[in-house]
Full PDB file with SEQRES, HELIX, SHEET, SSBOND, CRYST1, ORIGX, SCALE, CONECT and MASTER records, all heavy atoms in Angstrom:
SEQRES   1 A   29  SER LEU ILE GLY PRO GLU VAL PRO VAL THR ILE PRO LYS          
SEQRES   2 A   29  HIS VAL GLN PRO VAL ASP LYS HIS LEU PRO ASP TYR GLU          
SEQRES   3 A   29  VAL GLU LEU                                                  
HELIX    1 AA1 LYS A   13  VAL A   15  5                                   3    
HELIX    2 AA2 VAL A   18  HIS A   21  1                                   4    
CRYST1    1.000    1.000    1.000  90.00  90.00  90.00 P 1           1          
ORIGX1      1.000000  0.000000  0.000000        0.00000                         
ORIGX2      0.000000  1.000000  0.000000        0.00000                         
ORIGX3      0.000000  0.000000  1.000000        0.00000                         
SCALE1      1.000000  0.000000  0.000000        0.00000                         
SCALE2      0.000000  1.000000  0.000000        0.00000                         
SCALE3      0.000000  0.000000  1.000000        0.00000                         
ATOM      1  N   SER A   1      -5.240   9.825  -0.228  1.00  0.00           N  
ATOM      2  CA  SER A   1      -4.379   8.665   0.143  1.00  0.00           C  
ATOM      3  C   SER A   1      -4.469   8.350   1.673  1.00  0.00           C  
ATOM      4  O   SER A   1      -4.170   7.249   2.095  1.00  0.00           O  
ATOM      5  CB  SER A   1      -2.935   8.914  -0.213  1.00  0.00           C  
ATOM      6  OG  SER A   1      -2.347   9.912   0.652  1.00  0.00           O  
ATOM      7  N   LEU A   2      -5.017   9.293   2.496  1.00  0.00           N  
ATOM      8  CA  LEU A   2      -4.998   9.086   3.928  1.00  0.00           C  
ATOM      9  C   LEU A   2      -6.087   8.158   4.397  1.00  0.00           C  
ATOM     10  O   LEU A   2      -7.219   8.219   3.985  1.00  0.00           O  
ATOM     11  CB  LEU A   2      -5.132  10.440   4.634  1.00  0.00           C  
ATOM     12  CG  LEU A   2      -4.081  11.497   4.363  1.00  0.00           C  
ATOM     13  CD1 LEU A   2      -4.438  12.775   5.129  1.00  0.00           C  
ATOM     14  CD2 LEU A   2      -2.711  11.001   4.840  1.00  0.00           C  
ATOM     15  N   ILE A   3      -5.691   7.259   5.395  1.00  0.00           N  
ATOM     16  CA  ILE A   3      -6.599   6.390   6.064  1.00  0.00           C  
ATOM     17  C   ILE A   3      -6.297   6.341   7.533  1.00  0.00           C  
ATOM     18  O   ILE A   3      -5.206   6.787   7.917  1.00  0.00           O  
ATOM     19  CB  ILE A   3      -6.630   4.980   5.446  1.00  0.00           C  
ATOM     20  CG1 ILE A   3      -5.273   4.387   5.411  1.00  0.00           C  
ATOM     21  CG2 ILE A   3      -7.308   4.974   4.061  1.00  0.00           C  
ATOM     22  CD1 ILE A   3      -5.227   2.912   4.961  1.00  0.00           C  
ATOM     23  N   GLY A   4      -7.148   5.759   8.350  1.00  0.00           N  
ATOM     24  CA  GLY A   4      -6.907   5.618   9.743  1.00  0.00           C  
ATOM     25  C   GLY A   4      -6.549   4.226  10.182  1.00  0.00           C  
ATOM     26  O   GLY A   4      -6.318   3.346   9.345  1.00  0.00           O  
ATOM     27  N   PRO A   5      -6.504   3.998  11.491  1.00  0.00           N  
ATOM     28  CA  PRO A   5      -6.217   2.643  12.021  1.00  0.00           C  
ATOM     29  C   PRO A   5      -7.207   1.609  11.582  1.00  0.00           C  
ATOM     30  O   PRO A   5      -8.363   1.856  11.408  1.00  0.00           O  
ATOM     31  CB  PRO A   5      -6.305   2.882  13.509  1.00  0.00           C  
ATOM     32  CG  PRO A   5      -6.132   4.345  13.740  1.00  0.00           C  
ATOM     33  CD  PRO A   5      -6.723   5.020  12.513  1.00  0.00           C  
ATOM     34  N   GLU A   6      -6.710   0.406  11.359  1.00  0.00           N  
ATOM     35  CA  GLU A   6      -7.480  -0.754  11.015  1.00  0.00           C  
ATOM     36  C   GLU A   6      -8.078  -0.791   9.595  1.00  0.00           C  
ATOM     37  O   GLU A   6      -8.689  -1.748   9.139  1.00  0.00           O  
ATOM     38  CB  GLU A   6      -8.658  -1.009  12.059  1.00  0.00           C  
ATOM     39  CG  GLU A   6      -8.115  -1.254  13.462  1.00  0.00           C  
ATOM     40  CD  GLU A   6      -7.309  -2.496  13.629  1.00  0.00           C  
ATOM     41  OE1 GLU A   6      -7.558  -3.494  12.918  1.00  0.00           O  
ATOM     42  OE2 GLU A   6      -6.431  -2.491  14.522  1.00  0.00           O  
ATOM     43  N   VAL A   7      -7.982   0.336   8.880  1.00  0.00           N  
ATOM     44  CA  VAL A   7      -8.466   0.421   7.515  1.00  0.00           C  
ATOM     45  C   VAL A   7      -7.418  -0.295   6.594  1.00  0.00           C  
ATOM     46  O   VAL A   7      -6.220  -0.031   6.689  1.00  0.00           O  
ATOM     47  CB  VAL A   7      -8.652   1.880   7.044  1.00  0.00           C  
ATOM     48  CG1 VAL A   7      -9.124   1.947   5.615  1.00  0.00           C  
ATOM     49  CG2 VAL A   7      -9.677   2.584   7.981  1.00  0.00           C  
ATOM     50  N   PRO A   8      -7.944  -1.175   5.706  1.00  0.00           N  
ATOM     51  CA  PRO A   8      -6.961  -1.827   4.825  1.00  0.00           C  
ATOM     52  C   PRO A   8      -6.228  -0.899   3.895  1.00  0.00           C  
ATOM     53  O   PRO A   8      -6.784   0.040   3.317  1.00  0.00           O  
ATOM     54  CB  PRO A   8      -7.859  -2.773   3.974  1.00  0.00           C  
ATOM     55  CG  PRO A   8      -9.087  -2.949   4.811  1.00  0.00           C  
ATOM     56  CD  PRO A   8      -9.274  -1.621   5.555  1.00  0.00           C  
ATOM     57  N   VAL A   9      -4.905  -1.133   3.794  1.00  0.00           N  
ATOM     58  CA  VAL A   9      -4.108  -0.451   2.770  1.00  0.00           C  
ATOM     59  C   VAL A   9      -4.437  -1.214   1.448  1.00  0.00           C  
ATOM     60  O   VAL A   9      -4.227  -2.443   1.381  1.00  0.00           O  
ATOM     61  CB  VAL A   9      -2.588  -0.567   3.028  1.00  0.00           C  
ATOM     62  CG1 VAL A   9      -1.777  -0.195   1.846  1.00  0.00           C  
ATOM     63  CG2 VAL A   9      -2.256   0.348   4.226  1.00  0.00           C  
ATOM     64  N   THR A  10      -4.970  -0.479   0.530  1.00  0.00           N  
ATOM     65  CA  THR A  10      -5.442  -1.121  -0.758  1.00  0.00           C  
ATOM     66  C   THR A  10      -4.440  -0.992  -1.878  1.00  0.00           C  
ATOM     67  O   THR A  10      -4.062   0.122  -2.238  1.00  0.00           O  
ATOM     68  CB  THR A  10      -6.801  -0.512  -1.195  1.00  0.00           C  
ATOM     69  OG1 THR A  10      -7.740  -0.629  -0.137  1.00  0.00           O  
ATOM     70  CG2 THR A  10      -7.342  -1.203  -2.451  1.00  0.00           C  
ATOM     71  N   ILE A  11      -3.982  -2.088  -2.344  1.00  0.00           N  
ATOM     72  CA  ILE A  11      -3.010  -2.112  -3.472  1.00  0.00           C  
ATOM     73  C   ILE A  11      -3.858  -2.090  -4.728  1.00  0.00           C  
ATOM     74  O   ILE A  11      -4.484  -3.112  -5.103  1.00  0.00           O  
ATOM     75  CB  ILE A  11      -2.097  -3.340  -3.431  1.00  0.00           C  
ATOM     76  CG1 ILE A  11      -1.253  -3.362  -2.165  1.00  0.00           C  
ATOM     77  CG2 ILE A  11      -1.216  -3.392  -4.653  1.00  0.00           C  
ATOM     78  CD1 ILE A  11      -0.427  -4.566  -1.941  1.00  0.00           C  
ATOM     79  N   PRO A  12      -3.808  -0.991  -5.459  1.00  0.00           N  
ATOM     80  CA  PRO A  12      -4.678  -0.836  -6.655  1.00  0.00           C  
ATOM     81  C   PRO A  12      -4.308  -1.919  -7.738  1.00  0.00           C  
ATOM     82  O   PRO A  12      -3.179  -2.379  -7.776  1.00  0.00           O  
ATOM     83  CB  PRO A  12      -4.384   0.531  -7.202  1.00  0.00           C  
ATOM     84  CG  PRO A  12      -3.816   1.295  -6.077  1.00  0.00           C  
ATOM     85  CD  PRO A  12      -3.045   0.294  -5.253  1.00  0.00           C  
ATOM     86  N   LYS A  13      -5.282  -2.256  -8.526  1.00  0.00           N  
ATOM     87  CA  LYS A  13      -5.134  -3.254  -9.623  1.00  0.00           C  
ATOM     88  C   LYS A  13      -4.054  -2.794 -10.525  1.00  0.00           C  
ATOM     89  O   LYS A  13      -3.301  -3.653 -11.053  1.00  0.00           O  
ATOM     90  CB  LYS A  13      -6.459  -3.370 -10.367  1.00  0.00           C  
ATOM     91  CG  LYS A  13      -6.435  -4.402 -11.456  1.00  0.00           C  
ATOM     92  CD  LYS A  13      -6.439  -5.798 -10.900  1.00  0.00           C  
ATOM     93  CE  LYS A  13      -6.634  -6.854 -12.001  1.00  0.00           C  
ATOM     94  NZ  LYS A  13      -6.595  -8.223 -11.498  1.00  0.00           N  
ATOM     95  N   HIS A  14      -3.883  -1.503 -10.677  1.00  0.00           N  
ATOM     96  CA  HIS A  14      -2.982  -0.962 -11.655  1.00  0.00           C  
ATOM     97  C   HIS A  14      -1.494  -1.036 -11.251  1.00  0.00           C  
ATOM     98  O   HIS A  14      -0.608  -0.820 -12.045  1.00  0.00           O  
ATOM     99  CB  HIS A  14      -3.324   0.482 -11.998  1.00  0.00           C  
ATOM    100  CG  HIS A  14      -4.791   0.687 -12.305  1.00  0.00           C  
ATOM    101  ND1 HIS A  14      -5.744   0.829 -11.334  1.00  0.00           N  
ATOM    102  CD2 HIS A  14      -5.400   0.683 -13.552  1.00  0.00           C  
ATOM    103  CE1 HIS A  14      -6.918   0.897 -11.951  1.00  0.00           C  
ATOM    104  NE2 HIS A  14      -6.740   0.843 -13.262  1.00  0.00           N  
ATOM    105  N   VAL A  15      -1.260  -1.426  -9.971  1.00  0.00           N  
ATOM    106  CA  VAL A  15       0.101  -1.612  -9.533  1.00  0.00           C  
ATOM    107  C   VAL A  15       0.247  -3.028  -9.022  1.00  0.00           C  
ATOM    108  O   VAL A  15       0.890  -3.308  -7.957  1.00  0.00           O  
ATOM    109  CB  VAL A  15       0.545  -0.591  -8.461  1.00  0.00           C  
ATOM    110  CG1 VAL A  15       0.864   0.776  -9.105  1.00  0.00           C  
ATOM    111  CG2 VAL A  15      -0.546  -0.387  -7.409  1.00  0.00           C  
ATOM    112  N   GLN A  16      -0.333  -3.956  -9.751  1.00  0.00           N  
ATOM    113  CA  GLN A  16      -0.109  -5.349  -9.554  1.00  0.00           C  
ATOM    114  C   GLN A  16       0.448  -5.918 -10.857  1.00  0.00           C  
ATOM    115  O   GLN A  16       0.286  -5.330 -11.919  1.00  0.00           O  
ATOM    116  CB  GLN A  16      -1.403  -6.006  -9.215  1.00  0.00           C  
ATOM    117  CG  GLN A  16      -2.048  -5.540  -7.909  1.00  0.00           C  
ATOM    118  CD  GLN A  16      -3.421  -6.130  -7.645  1.00  0.00           C  
ATOM    119  OE1 GLN A  16      -3.734  -7.239  -8.111  1.00  0.00           O  
ATOM    120  NE2 GLN A  16      -4.281  -5.424  -6.969  1.00  0.00           N  
ATOM    121  N   PRO A  17       1.216  -7.016 -10.812  1.00  0.00           N  
ATOM    122  CA  PRO A  17       1.427  -7.933  -9.601  1.00  0.00           C  
ATOM    123  C   PRO A  17       2.392  -7.286  -8.676  1.00  0.00           C  
ATOM    124  O   PRO A  17       3.286  -6.483  -9.095  1.00  0.00           O  
ATOM    125  CB  PRO A  17       2.011  -9.172 -10.256  1.00  0.00           C  
ATOM    126  CG  PRO A  17       2.691  -8.704 -11.547  1.00  0.00           C  
ATOM    127  CD  PRO A  17       1.812  -7.573 -12.003  1.00  0.00           C  
ATOM    128  N   VAL A  18       2.277  -7.659  -7.395  1.00  0.00           N  
ATOM    129  CA  VAL A  18       3.105  -7.019  -6.419  1.00  0.00           C  
ATOM    130  C   VAL A  18       4.595  -7.354  -6.518  1.00  0.00           C  
ATOM    131  O   VAL A  18       5.455  -6.540  -6.086  1.00  0.00           O  
ATOM    132  CB  VAL A  18       2.528  -7.368  -4.993  1.00  0.00           C  
ATOM    133  CG1 VAL A  18       1.187  -6.775  -4.686  1.00  0.00           C  
ATOM    134  CG2 VAL A  18       2.494  -8.896  -4.790  1.00  0.00           C  
ATOM    135  N   ASP A  19       4.907  -8.487  -7.081  1.00  0.00           N  
ATOM    136  CA  ASP A  19       6.340  -8.805  -7.201  1.00  0.00           C  
ATOM    137  C   ASP A  19       7.010  -7.999  -8.229  1.00  0.00           C  
ATOM    138  O   ASP A  19       8.258  -7.914  -8.300  1.00  0.00           O  
ATOM    139  CB  ASP A  19       6.555 -10.301  -7.431  1.00  0.00           C  
ATOM    140  CG  ASP A  19       5.828 -10.788  -8.774  1.00  0.00           C  
ATOM    141  OD1 ASP A  19       5.150  -9.982  -9.382  1.00  0.00           O  
ATOM    142  OD2 ASP A  19       6.087 -11.987  -9.107  1.00  0.00           O  
ATOM    143  N   LYS A  20       6.261  -7.271  -9.033  1.00  0.00           N  
ATOM    144  CA  LYS A  20       6.827  -6.291 -10.007  1.00  0.00           C  
ATOM    145  C   LYS A  20       6.847  -4.873  -9.436  1.00  0.00           C  
ATOM    146  O   LYS A  20       7.802  -4.174  -9.548  1.00  0.00           O  
ATOM    147  CB  LYS A  20       6.042  -6.280 -11.263  1.00  0.00           C  
ATOM    148  CG  LYS A  20       6.450  -5.240 -12.273  1.00  0.00           C  
ATOM    149  CD  LYS A  20       5.604  -5.156 -13.531  1.00  0.00           C  
ATOM    150  CE  LYS A  20       5.977  -4.027 -14.420  1.00  0.00           C  
ATOM    151  NZ  LYS A  20       5.080  -3.922 -15.675  1.00  0.00           N  
ATOM    152  N   HIS A  21       5.713  -4.491  -8.803  1.00  0.00           N  
ATOM    153  CA  HIS A  21       5.518  -3.113  -8.377  1.00  0.00           C  
ATOM    154  C   HIS A  21       6.132  -2.865  -6.978  1.00  0.00           C  
ATOM    155  O   HIS A  21       6.316  -1.713  -6.537  1.00  0.00           O  
ATOM    156  CB  HIS A  21       4.089  -2.716  -8.469  1.00  0.00           C  
ATOM    157  CG  HIS A  21       3.577  -2.544  -9.863  1.00  0.00           C  
ATOM    158  ND1 HIS A  21       3.780  -1.378 -10.549  1.00  0.00           N  
ATOM    159  CD2 HIS A  21       3.023  -3.443 -10.727  1.00  0.00           C  
ATOM    160  CE1 HIS A  21       3.281  -1.499 -11.737  1.00  0.00           C  
ATOM    161  NE2 HIS A  21       2.845  -2.767 -11.904  1.00  0.00           N  
ATOM    162  N   LEU A  22       6.367  -3.921  -6.187  1.00  0.00           N  
ATOM    163  CA  LEU A  22       7.057  -3.815  -4.913  1.00  0.00           C  
ATOM    164  C   LEU A  22       6.437  -2.824  -3.938  1.00  0.00           C  
ATOM    165  O   LEU A  22       7.148  -1.803  -3.495  1.00  0.00           O  
ATOM    166  CB  LEU A  22       8.539  -3.508  -5.108  1.00  0.00           C  
ATOM    167  CG  LEU A  22       9.368  -4.470  -6.022  1.00  0.00           C  
ATOM    168  CD1 LEU A  22      10.743  -4.029  -6.217  1.00  0.00           C  
ATOM    169  CD2 LEU A  22       9.335  -5.915  -5.431  1.00  0.00           C  
ATOM    170  N   PRO A  23       5.211  -2.958  -3.530  1.00  0.00           N  
ATOM    171  CA  PRO A  23       4.662  -2.079  -2.474  1.00  0.00           C  
ATOM    172  C   PRO A  23       5.420  -2.296  -1.177  1.00  0.00           C  
ATOM    173  O   PRO A  23       5.784  -3.423  -0.819  1.00  0.00           O  
ATOM    174  CB  PRO A  23       3.204  -2.544  -2.371  1.00  0.00           C  
ATOM    175  CG  PRO A  23       3.154  -3.905  -3.020  1.00  0.00           C  
ATOM    176  CD  PRO A  23       4.278  -3.983  -4.035  1.00  0.00           C  
ATOM    177  N   ASP A  24       5.768  -1.141  -0.550  1.00  0.00           N  
ATOM    178  CA  ASP A  24       6.684  -1.149   0.561  1.00  0.00           C  
ATOM    179  C   ASP A  24       6.177  -0.330   1.698  1.00  0.00           C  
ATOM    180  O   ASP A  24       5.364   0.601   1.516  1.00  0.00           O  
ATOM    181  CB  ASP A  24       8.020  -0.565   0.055  1.00  0.00           C  
ATOM    182  CG  ASP A  24       9.221  -1.116   0.817  1.00  0.00           C  
ATOM    183  OD1 ASP A  24       9.078  -1.761   1.825  1.00  0.00           O  
ATOM    184  OD2 ASP A  24      10.388  -0.863   0.324  1.00  0.00           O  
ATOM    185  N   TYR A  25       6.659  -0.639   2.932  1.00  0.00           N  
ATOM    186  CA  TYR A  25       6.241   0.035   4.141  1.00  0.00           C  
ATOM    187  C   TYR A  25       7.295   1.161   4.468  1.00  0.00           C  
ATOM    188  O   TYR A  25       8.515   1.034   4.164  1.00  0.00           O  
ATOM    189  CB  TYR A  25       6.187  -0.954   5.318  1.00  0.00           C  
ATOM    190  CG  TYR A  25       7.375  -1.838   5.276  1.00  0.00           C  
ATOM    191  CD1 TYR A  25       8.566  -1.398   5.925  1.00  0.00           C  
ATOM    192  CD2 TYR A  25       7.395  -3.093   4.724  1.00  0.00           C  
ATOM    193  CE1 TYR A  25       9.715  -2.236   5.880  1.00  0.00           C  
ATOM    194  CE2 TYR A  25       8.503  -3.885   4.701  1.00  0.00           C  
ATOM    195  CZ  TYR A  25       9.688  -3.432   5.296  1.00  0.00           C  
ATOM    196  OH  TYR A  25      10.773  -4.226   5.211  1.00  0.00           O  
ATOM    197  N   GLU A  26       6.916   2.181   5.209  1.00  0.00           N  
ATOM    198  CA  GLU A  26       7.799   3.145   5.743  1.00  0.00           C  
ATOM    199  C   GLU A  26       7.235   3.833   6.924  1.00  0.00           C  
ATOM    200  O   GLU A  26       6.305   4.666   6.868  1.00  0.00           O  
ATOM    201  CB  GLU A  26       8.140   4.219   4.691  1.00  0.00           C  
ATOM    202  CG  GLU A  26       8.929   3.821   3.492  1.00  0.00           C  
ATOM    203  CD  GLU A  26       9.415   4.998   2.655  1.00  0.00           C  
ATOM    204  OE1 GLU A  26       9.206   6.133   3.009  1.00  0.00           O  
ATOM    205  OE2 GLU A  26      10.067   4.744   1.608  1.00  0.00           O  
ATOM    206  N   VAL A  27       7.703   3.521   8.157  1.00  0.00           N  
ATOM    207  CA  VAL A  27       7.238   4.100   9.367  1.00  0.00           C  
ATOM    208  C   VAL A  27       7.753   5.541   9.446  1.00  0.00           C  
ATOM    209  O   VAL A  27       8.946   5.757   9.065  1.00  0.00           O  
ATOM    210  CB  VAL A  27       7.693   3.310  10.599  1.00  0.00           C  
ATOM    211  CG1 VAL A  27       9.161   3.197  10.738  1.00  0.00           C  
ATOM    212  CG2 VAL A  27       7.082   3.992  11.874  1.00  0.00           C  
ATOM    213  N   GLU A  28       6.925   6.522   9.823  1.00  0.00           N  
ATOM    214  CA  GLU A  28       7.397   7.922   9.793  1.00  0.00           C  
ATOM    215  C   GLU A  28       6.794   8.686  10.981  1.00  0.00           C  
ATOM    216  O   GLU A  28       5.547   8.545  11.203  1.00  0.00           O  
ATOM    217  CB  GLU A  28       6.967   8.603   8.473  1.00  0.00           C  
ATOM    218  CG  GLU A  28       7.326   7.746   7.242  1.00  0.00           C  
ATOM    219  CD  GLU A  28       7.849   8.630   6.100  1.00  0.00           C  
ATOM    220  OE1 GLU A  28       7.836   9.884   6.174  1.00  0.00           O  
ATOM    221  OE2 GLU A  28       8.228   8.033   5.078  1.00  0.00           O  
ATOM    222  N   LEU A  29       7.567   9.517  11.654  1.00  0.00           N  
ATOM    223  CA  LEU A  29       7.072  10.458  12.613  1.00  0.00           C  
ATOM    224  C   LEU A  29       6.409  11.584  11.738  1.00  0.00           C  
ATOM    225  O   LEU A  29       7.001  12.083  10.792  1.00  0.00           O  
ATOM    226  CB  LEU A  29       8.196  11.057  13.437  1.00  0.00           C  
ATOM    227  CG  LEU A  29       7.767  12.221  14.366  1.00  0.00           C  
ATOM    228  CD1 LEU A  29       6.824  11.766  15.403  1.00  0.00           C  
ATOM    229  CD2 LEU A  29       9.046  12.848  15.035  1.00  0.00           C  
TER     230      LEU A  29                                                      
MASTER        0    0    0    2    0    0    0    6  229    1    0    3          
END                                                                             
């Protein structure tokens, strides 16, 4: 699951449409 800076966060086909699956952000130390 790990990626670095500038790499796109990819929302898999299997968790679309996004208005149903609600992909969300979480900043973490």
